[in-house]
Amino acid sequence: MIEVRRAVLTGHKLRIHYASAGKTPQWRTIDPIGLVTVRDKAYLLATISGEDRTYRLSRVLAAEELPELAERPPQVDLDRIWRERGEQFLSNGHITALVRVESTRREELLNAAVTVRAEIPDTAGWVRIEVTYQDLRTPNGRCGS
């Protein structure tokens, strides 16, 4: 999205219409920090009132760059921020498993996973995948922003 990229580059606040998984889309005003792409999915790193937020770019339905300057640090280390947010996310209510699956069933397995940590080819027609799933035994039973 051009508006999102422009707000990140100019350092302006951003108003987004965002569709969280399983929720009604809402408008939010955020302070964008940067964009990262992981496994062909783009994410917007931001804050709201100083609290960290991560948004999947494909769930941003509309965006509007605002004239106000975003509240963000002058120097941003996106690699560090992404790593820290990922570690925090995965440590809260998730289970990691190493799974051996037929290659023809790979996509089905990945559709249910929260993240893929590693993928290793196995014998012909099989693959080993380290995946993380939402732990439905946790009180929240949900993930994401």
C-alpha atoms as a PDB file:
ATOM      1  CA  MET A   1       0.000   0.000   0.000  1.00  0.00           C
ATOM      2  CA  ILE A   2       1.425   3.308  -1.103  1.00  0.00           C
ATOM      3  CA  GLU A   3      -0.065   5.311   1.798  1.00  0.00           C
ATOM      4  CA  VAL A   4       1.478   2.971   4.374  1.00  0.00           C
ATOM      5  CA  ARG A   5       4.924   3.120   2.763  1.00  0.00           C
ATOM      6  CA  ARG A   6       4.739   6.899   2.442  1.00  0.00           C
ATOM      7  CA  ALA A   7       3.826   7.341   6.123  1.00  0.00           C
ATOM      8  CA  VAL A   8       6.691   5.060   7.183  1.00  0.00           C
ATOM      9  CA  LEU A   9       9.187   6.973   5.016  1.00  0.00           C
ATOM     10  CA  THR A  10       7.973  10.467   5.957  1.00  0.00           C
ATOM     11  CA  GLY A  11       7.546   9.645   9.643  1.00  0.00           C
ATOM     12  CA  HIS A  12       3.884  10.653   9.834  1.00  0.00           C
ATOM     13  CA  LYS A  13       1.044   9.135  11.823  1.00  0.00           C
ATOM     14  CA  LEU A  14      -1.157   6.727   9.907  1.00  0.00           C
ATOM     15  CA  ARG A  15      -4.863   5.964  10.082  1.00  0.00           C
ATOM     16  CA  ILE A  16      -5.656   2.403   8.994  1.00  0.00           C
ATOM     17  CA  HIS A  17      -8.839   0.409   8.546  1.00  0.00           C
ATOM     18  CA  TYR A  18      -7.687  -2.976   9.827  1.00  0.00           C
ATOM     19  CA  ALA A  19      -9.379  -6.378   9.764  1.00  0.00           C
ATOM     20  CA  SER A  20      -8.059  -8.473  12.668  1.00  0.00           C
ATOM     21  CA  ALA A  21      -8.685 -12.190  12.275  1.00  0.00           C
ATOM     22  CA  GLY A  22     -12.269 -12.999  13.233  1.00  0.00           C
ATOM     23  CA  LYS A  23     -13.171  -9.401  14.174  1.00  0.00           C
ATOM     24  CA  THR A  24     -15.064  -6.531  12.588  1.00  0.00           C
ATOM     25  CA  PRO A  25     -12.640  -4.148  10.811  1.00  0.00           C
ATOM     26  CA  GLN A  26     -11.828  -1.004  12.805  1.00  0.00           C
ATOM     27  CA  TRP A  27     -10.118   2.327  12.165  1.00  0.00           C
ATOM     28  CA  ARG A  28      -6.941   2.865  14.207  1.00  0.00           C
ATOM     29  CA  THR A  29      -4.479   5.746  14.369  1.00  0.00           C
ATOM     30  CA  ILE A  30      -0.947   4.434  14.719  1.00  0.00           C
ATOM     31  CA  ASP A  31       2.686   5.542  14.777  1.00  0.00           C
ATOM     32  CA  PRO A  32       4.378   3.492  12.015  1.00  0.00           C
ATOM     33  CA  ILE A  33       7.940   2.326  12.634  1.00  0.00           C
ATOM     34  CA  GLY A  34       8.752   0.192   9.594  1.00  0.00           C
ATOM     35  CA  LEU A  35       7.828  -2.588   7.207  1.00  0.00           C
ATOM     36  CA  VAL A  36       9.216  -6.128   7.199  1.00  0.00           C
ATOM     37  CA  THR A  37       8.607  -9.067   4.876  1.00  0.00           C
ATOM     38  CA  VAL A  38       8.827 -12.618   6.193  1.00  0.00           C
ATOM     39  CA  ARG A  39       8.003 -15.702   4.091  1.00  0.00           C
ATOM     40  CA  ASP A  40       6.255 -13.602   1.445  1.00  0.00           C
ATOM     41  CA  LYS A  41       4.059 -11.813   4.010  1.00  0.00           C
ATOM     42  CA  ALA A  42       4.487  -8.099   4.740  1.00  0.00           C
ATOM     43  CA  TYR A  43       4.033  -6.653   8.223  1.00  0.00           C
ATOM     44  CA  LEU A  44       3.765  -3.101   9.503  1.00  0.00           C
ATOM     45  CA  LEU A  45       5.537  -2.505  12.817  1.00  0.00           C
ATOM     46  CA  ALA A  46       3.960   0.342  14.753  1.00  0.00           C
ATOM     47  CA  THR A  47       2.978   1.663  18.158  1.00  0.00           C
ATOM     48  CA  ILE A  48      -0.247   2.998  19.620  1.00  0.00           C
ATOM     49  CA  SER A  49       0.238   5.233  22.666  1.00  0.00           C
ATOM     50  CA  GLY A  50       3.751   3.796  23.006  1.00  0.00           C
ATOM     51  CA  GLU A  51       2.602   0.138  22.983  1.00  0.00           C
ATOM     52  CA  ASP A  52       3.996  -2.220  20.342  1.00  0.00           C
ATOM     53  CA  ARG A  53       1.693  -3.380  17.561  1.00  0.00           C
ATOM     54  CA  THR A  54       2.259  -5.567  14.503  1.00  0.00           C
ATOM     55  CA  TYR A  55      -0.161  -5.543  11.568  1.00  0.00           C
ATOM     56  CA  ARG A  56      -0.285  -7.916   8.614  1.00  0.00           C
ATOM     57  CA  LEU A  57      -0.290  -5.605   5.600  1.00  0.00           C
ATOM     58  CA  SER A  58      -2.752  -7.810   3.713  1.00  0.00           C
ATOM     59  CA  ARG A  59      -5.340  -7.058   6.423  1.00  0.00           C
ATOM     60  CA  VAL A  60      -5.071  -3.278   6.005  1.00  0.00           C
ATOM     61  CA  LEU A  61      -8.224  -2.449   4.045  1.00  0.00           C
ATOM     62  CA  ALA A  62      -7.511   1.287   3.698  1.00  0.00           C
ATOM     63  CA  ALA A  63      -4.877   3.740   4.894  1.00  0.00           C
ATOM     64  CA  GLU A  64      -4.532   7.496   5.222  1.00  0.00           C
ATOM     65  CA  GLU A  65      -1.300   9.343   5.982  1.00  0.00           C
ATOM     66  CA  LEU A  66      -1.915  12.066   8.570  1.00  0.00           C
ATOM     67  CA  PRO A  67      -0.023  15.384   8.765  1.00  0.00           C
ATOM     68  CA  GLU A  68       1.135  14.857  12.385  1.00  0.00           C
ATOM     69  CA  LEU A  69       4.594  13.416  13.003  1.00  0.00           C
ATOM     70  CA  ALA A  70       4.696   9.855  14.330  1.00  0.00           C
ATOM     71  CA  GLU A  71       6.109   9.215  17.779  1.00  0.00           C
ATOM     72  CA  ARG A  72       9.039   6.900  17.146  1.00  0.00           C
ATOM     73  CA  PRO A  73      12.736   6.647  17.915  1.00  0.00           C
ATOM     74  CA  PRO A  74      15.140   8.491  15.595  1.00  0.00           C
ATOM     75  CA  GLN A  75      17.102   5.267  14.910  1.00  0.00           C
ATOM     76  CA  VAL A  76      15.176   2.056  14.196  1.00  0.00           C
ATOM     77  CA  ASP A  77      16.666  -1.456  14.099  1.00  0.00           C
ATOM     78  CA  LEU A  78      13.903  -3.402  12.320  1.00  0.00           C
ATOM     79  CA  ASP A  79      15.736  -6.733  12.620  1.00  0.00           C
ATOM     80  CA  ARG A  80      15.980  -6.364  16.406  1.00  0.00           C
ATOM     81  CA  ILE A  81      12.391  -5.138  16.790  1.00  0.00           C
ATOM     82  CA  TRP A  82      11.013  -7.982  14.635  1.00  0.00           C
ATOM     83  CA  ARG A  83      13.058 -10.586  16.534  1.00  0.00           C
ATOM     84  CA  GLU A  84      11.945  -9.244  19.947  1.00  0.00           C
ATOM     85  CA  ARG A  85       8.281  -9.048  18.958  1.00  0.00           C
ATOM     86  CA  GLY A  86       8.403 -12.537  17.472  1.00  0.00           C
ATOM     87  CA  GLU A  87       9.974 -13.984  20.611  1.00  0.00           C
ATOM     88  CA  GLN A  88       7.394 -12.271  22.808  1.00  0.00           C
ATOM     89  CA  PHE A  89       4.520 -13.431  20.606  1.00  0.00           C
ATOM     90  CA  LEU A  90       5.707 -17.038  20.477  1.00  0.00           C
ATOM     91  CA  SER A  91       6.360 -17.244  24.217  1.00  0.00           C
ATOM     92  CA  ASN A  92       2.739 -16.407  25.023  1.00  0.00           C
ATOM     93  CA  GLY A  93       0.235 -19.226  24.464  1.00  0.00           C
ATOM     94  CA  HIS A  94       1.932 -21.145  21.660  1.00  0.00           C
ATOM     95  CA  ILE A  95       3.232 -24.678  21.149  1.00  0.00           C
ATOM     96  CA  THR A  96       6.091 -25.542  18.788  1.00  0.00           C
ATOM     97  CA  ALA A  97       6.278 -28.965  17.113  1.00  0.00           C
ATOM     98  CA  LEU A  98       8.529 -30.706  14.605  1.00  0.00           C
ATOM     99  CA  VAL A  99       6.237 -32.464  12.140  1.00  0.00           C
ATOM    100  CA  ARG A 100       7.000 -34.890   9.311  1.00  0.00           C
ATOM    101  CA  VAL A 101       4.362 -34.620   6.612  1.00  0.00           C
ATOM    102  CA  GLU A 102       3.807 -35.725   3.024  1.00  0.00           C
ATOM    103  CA  SER A 103       4.611 -32.874   0.632  1.00  0.00           C
ATOM    104  CA  THR A 104       1.077 -33.092  -0.795  1.00  0.00           C
ATOM    105  CA  ARG A 105      -0.343 -32.257   2.691  1.00  0.00           C
ATOM    106  CA  ARG A 106       2.148 -29.433   3.437  1.00  0.00           C
ATOM    107  CA  GLU A 107      -0.215 -26.522   2.677  1.00  0.00           C
ATOM    108  CA  GLU A 108      -2.973 -28.042   4.797  1.00  0.00           C
ATOM    109  CA  LEU A 109      -0.589 -28.221   7.761  1.00  0.00           C
ATOM    110  CA  LEU A 110       0.676 -24.667   7.224  1.00  0.00           C
ATOM    111  CA  ASN A 111      -2.848 -23.234   7.003  1.00  0.00           C
ATOM    112  CA  ALA A 112      -3.391 -24.170  10.654  1.00  0.00           C
ATOM    113  CA  ALA A 113       0.030 -22.976  11.869  1.00  0.00           C
ATOM    114  CA  VAL A 114       0.776 -19.594  13.409  1.00  0.00           C
ATOM    115  CA  THR A 115       4.387 -19.600  12.170  1.00  0.00           C
ATOM    116  CA  VAL A 116       6.881 -21.803  10.373  1.00  0.00           C
ATOM    117  CA  ARG A 117      10.271 -21.806  12.094  1.00  0.00           C
ATOM    118  CA  ALA A 118      12.126 -24.223   9.781  1.00  0.00           C
ATOM    119  CA  GLU A 119      11.497 -26.485   6.825  1.00  0.00           C
ATOM    120  CA  ILE A 120      13.784 -29.396   5.908  1.00  0.00           C
ATOM    121  CA  PRO A 121      13.324 -31.736   2.926  1.00  0.00           C
ATOM    122  CA  ASP A 122      13.100 -35.372   3.997  1.00  0.00           C
ATOM    123  CA  THR A 123      12.866 -38.544   1.920  1.00  0.00           C
ATOM    124  CA  ALA A 124      11.121 -38.386  -1.459  1.00  0.00           C
ATOM    125  CA  GLY A 125       7.659 -36.896  -1.077  1.00  0.00           C
ATOM    126  CA  TRP A 126       8.091 -35.910   2.593  1.00  0.00           C
ATOM    127  CA  VAL A 127       9.180 -32.767   4.461  1.00  0.00           C
ATOM    128  CA  ARG A 128       9.981 -31.973   8.102  1.00  0.00           C
ATOM    129  CA  ILE A 129       8.546 -28.671   9.304  1.00  0.00           C
ATOM    130  CA  GLU A 130       9.001 -26.942  12.649  1.00  0.00           C
ATOM    131  CA  VAL A 131       5.720 -25.124  13.218  1.00  0.00           C
ATOM    132  CA  THR A 132       4.107 -23.120  15.983  1.00  0.00           C
ATOM    133  CA  TYR A 133       0.430 -23.462  16.830  1.00  0.00           C
ATOM    134  CA  GLN A 134      -1.889 -21.512  19.093  1.00  0.00           C
ATOM    135  CA  ASP A 135      -2.228 -23.319  22.435  1.00  0.00           C
ATOM    136  CA  LEU A 136      -6.003 -23.519  22.825  1.00  0.00           C
ATOM    137  CA  ARG A 137      -5.556 -24.432  26.481  1.00  0.00           C
ATOM    138  CA  THR A 138      -4.470 -20.846  27.273  1.00  0.00           C
ATOM    139  CA  PRO A 139      -7.023 -18.449  28.792  1.00  0.00           C
ATOM    140  CA  ASN A 140      -7.076 -16.163  25.745  1.00  0.00           C
ATOM    141  CA  GLY A 141      -7.245 -18.908  23.131  1.00  0.00           C
ATOM    142  CA  ARG A 142      -6.388 -16.370  20.437  1.00  0.00           C
ATOM    143  CA  CYS A 143      -3.465 -14.541  18.904  1.00  0.00           C
ATOM    144  CA  GLY A 144      -2.619 -11.395  16.921  1.00  0.00           C
ATOM    145  CA  SER A 145      -3.404  -7.704  17.277  1.00  0.00           C
END
